Amino acid sequence: MDKPATKHDPAVRIDDVTPSDSTVLTSRAIWVGTGGDLAVIPGGQSTAVTIKNVPSGCLLPLQVSKVMSTNTTASNIQVWN
């Protein structure tokens, strides 16, 4: 029998993200393909935080509820779950 996934298990799904100030999502990590600023709402919070100058090809171990279009200049973003 399979055991339920925990937050410590590796990601099993990867989805492309179009930054949006309204779309709610879940993540275990975020991949930034092309660097820039990344504005997110961390899981459990309600205020956006901008992470400045994220380099290209960076995997951030973040749980977020939104990747905001406002203040995000990074692109080719994916969420890993």
C-alpha atoms as a PDB file:
ATOM      1  CA  MET A   1       0.000   0.000   0.000  1.00  0.00           C
ATOM      2  CA  ASP A   2       1.304   3.485  -0.867  1.00  0.00           C
ATOM      3  CA  LYS A   3       1.838   5.850   2.011  1.00  0.00           C
ATOM      4  CA  PRO A   4       0.514   9.433   1.793  1.00  0.00           C
ATOM      5  CA  ALA A   5       3.012  12.018   0.557  1.00  0.00           C
ATOM      6  CA  THR A   6       4.603  14.296   3.121  1.00  0.00           C
ATOM      7  CA  LYS A   7       6.271  17.679   2.708  1.00  0.00           C
ATOM      8  CA  HIS A   8       9.633  15.889   2.859  1.00  0.00           C
ATOM      9  CA  ASP A   9       8.964  13.655  -0.156  1.00  0.00           C
ATOM     10  CA  PRO A  10      10.360  14.676  -3.572  1.00  0.00           C
ATOM     11  CA  ALA A  11       8.174  16.452  -6.083  1.00  0.00           C
ATOM     12  CA  VAL A  12       6.055  14.239  -8.321  1.00  0.00           C
ATOM     13  CA  ARG A  13       4.492  16.921 -10.536  1.00  0.00           C
ATOM     14  CA  ILE A  14       5.867  19.968 -12.367  1.00  0.00           C
ATOM     15  CA  ASP A  15       3.625  22.678 -13.805  1.00  0.00           C
ATOM     16  CA  ASP A  16       4.445  25.777 -15.833  1.00  0.00           C
ATOM     17  CA  VAL A  17       3.305  28.994 -14.187  1.00  0.00           C
ATOM     18  CA  THR A  18       2.031  32.185 -15.734  1.00  0.00           C
ATOM     19  CA  PRO A  19       2.414  34.803 -12.997  1.00  0.00           C
ATOM     20  CA  SER A  20      -0.995  36.047 -11.855  1.00  0.00           C
ATOM     21  CA  ASP A  21      -2.156  38.217  -8.985  1.00  0.00           C
ATOM     22  CA  SER A  22      -5.301  36.079  -8.663  1.00  0.00           C
ATOM     23  CA  THR A  23      -4.442  32.426  -9.460  1.00  0.00           C
ATOM     24  CA  VAL A  24      -4.010  30.294  -6.322  1.00  0.00           C
ATOM     25  CA  LEU A  25      -1.548  27.397  -6.491  1.00  0.00           C
ATOM     26  CA  THR A  26       0.521  25.107  -4.292  1.00  0.00           C
ATOM     27  CA  SER A  27       4.204  24.274  -4.463  1.00  0.00           C
ATOM     28  CA  ARG A  28       7.029  22.414  -2.755  1.00  0.00           C
ATOM     29  CA  ALA A  29       9.567  24.361  -4.801  1.00  0.00           C
ATOM     30  CA  ILE A  30       9.764  26.946  -7.583  1.00  0.00           C
ATOM     31  CA  TRP A  31      12.029  26.741 -10.623  1.00  0.00           C
ATOM     32  CA  VAL A  32      13.134  30.024 -12.197  1.00  0.00           C
ATOM     33  CA  GLY A  33      14.370  29.371 -15.727  1.00  0.00           C
ATOM     34  CA  THR A  34      15.191  32.965 -16.663  1.00  0.00           C
ATOM     35  CA  GLY A  35      16.348  35.118 -13.773  1.00  0.00           C
ATOM     36  CA  GLY A  36      14.890  38.320 -12.417  1.00  0.00           C
ATOM     37  CA  ASP A  37      12.681  39.396  -9.531  1.00  0.00           C
ATOM     38  CA  LEU A  38      10.116  36.902  -8.224  1.00  0.00           C
ATOM     39  CA  ALA A  39       7.069  38.164  -6.313  1.00  0.00           C
ATOM     40  CA  VAL A  40       5.246  35.455  -4.364  1.00  0.00           C
ATOM     41  CA  ILE A  41       2.801  35.022  -1.531  1.00  0.00           C
ATOM     42  CA  PRO A  42       4.395  32.435   0.764  1.00  0.00           C
ATOM     43  CA  GLY A  43       2.115  29.664   2.017  1.00  0.00           C
ATOM     44  CA  GLY A  44       0.336  30.733   5.200  1.00  0.00           C
ATOM     45  CA  GLN A  45       0.817  34.452   4.517  1.00  0.00           C
ATOM     46  CA  SER A  46      -1.356  37.026   2.790  1.00  0.00           C
ATOM     47  CA  THR A  47       1.214  39.630   1.740  1.00  0.00           C
ATOM     48  CA  ALA A  48       3.445  39.385  -1.323  1.00  0.00           C
ATOM     49  CA  VAL A  49       7.213  39.267  -0.950  1.00  0.00           C
ATOM     50  CA  THR A  50       9.592  40.102  -3.801  1.00  0.00           C
ATOM     51  CA  ILE A  51      12.771  38.054  -3.990  1.00  0.00           C
ATOM     52  CA  LYS A  52      15.227  40.243  -5.887  1.00  0.00           C
ATOM     53  CA  ASN A  53      17.688  39.097  -8.547  1.00  0.00           C
ATOM     54  CA  VAL A  54      16.911  35.366  -8.583  1.00  0.00           C
ATOM     55  CA  PRO A  55      19.497  33.833 -10.944  1.00  0.00           C
ATOM     56  CA  SER A  56      18.575  31.806 -14.017  1.00  0.00           C
ATOM     57  CA  GLY A  57      18.312  28.078 -13.390  1.00  0.00           C
ATOM     58  CA  CYS A  58      17.510  28.425  -9.700  1.00  0.00           C
ATOM     59  CA  LEU A  59      15.345  25.998  -7.698  1.00  0.00           C
ATOM     60  CA  LEU A  60      13.887  27.703  -4.621  1.00  0.00           C
ATOM     61  CA  PRO A  61      12.540  25.417  -1.863  1.00  0.00           C
ATOM     62  CA  LEU A  62       9.431  27.564  -1.267  1.00  0.00           C
ATOM     63  CA  GLN A  63       5.820  26.744  -0.550  1.00  0.00           C
ATOM     64  CA  VAL A  64       3.747  29.529  -2.089  1.00  0.00           C
ATOM     65  CA  SER A  65       0.090  30.225  -2.742  1.00  0.00           C
ATOM     66  CA  LYS A  66       0.671  32.698  -5.602  1.00  0.00           C
ATOM     67  CA  VAL A  67       3.331  33.776  -8.066  1.00  0.00           C
ATOM     68  CA  MET A  68       2.382  37.396  -8.603  1.00  0.00           C
ATOM     69  CA  SER A  69       2.447  39.158 -11.978  1.00  0.00           C
ATOM     70  CA  THR A  70       3.000  42.469 -10.198  1.00  0.00           C
ATOM     71  CA  ASN A  71       6.749  42.914  -9.562  1.00  0.00           C
ATOM     72  CA  THR A  72       7.767  39.585 -11.172  1.00  0.00           C
ATOM     73  CA  THR A  73      10.339  40.030 -13.946  1.00  0.00           C
ATOM     74  CA  ALA A  74      11.655  36.434 -13.910  1.00  0.00           C
ATOM     75  CA  SER A  75      10.223  34.054 -16.508  1.00  0.00           C
ATOM     76  CA  ASN A  76      10.058  30.368 -17.446  1.00  0.00           C
ATOM     77  CA  ILE A  77       8.749  29.664 -13.946  1.00  0.00           C
ATOM     78  CA  GLN A  78       7.548  26.244 -12.795  1.00  0.00           C
ATOM     79  CA  VAL A  79       6.062  24.961  -9.557  1.00  0.00           C
ATOM     80  CA  TRP A  80       7.160  21.553  -8.316  1.00  0.00           C
ATOM     81  CA  ASN A  81       4.743  19.517  -6.203  1.00  0.00           C
END
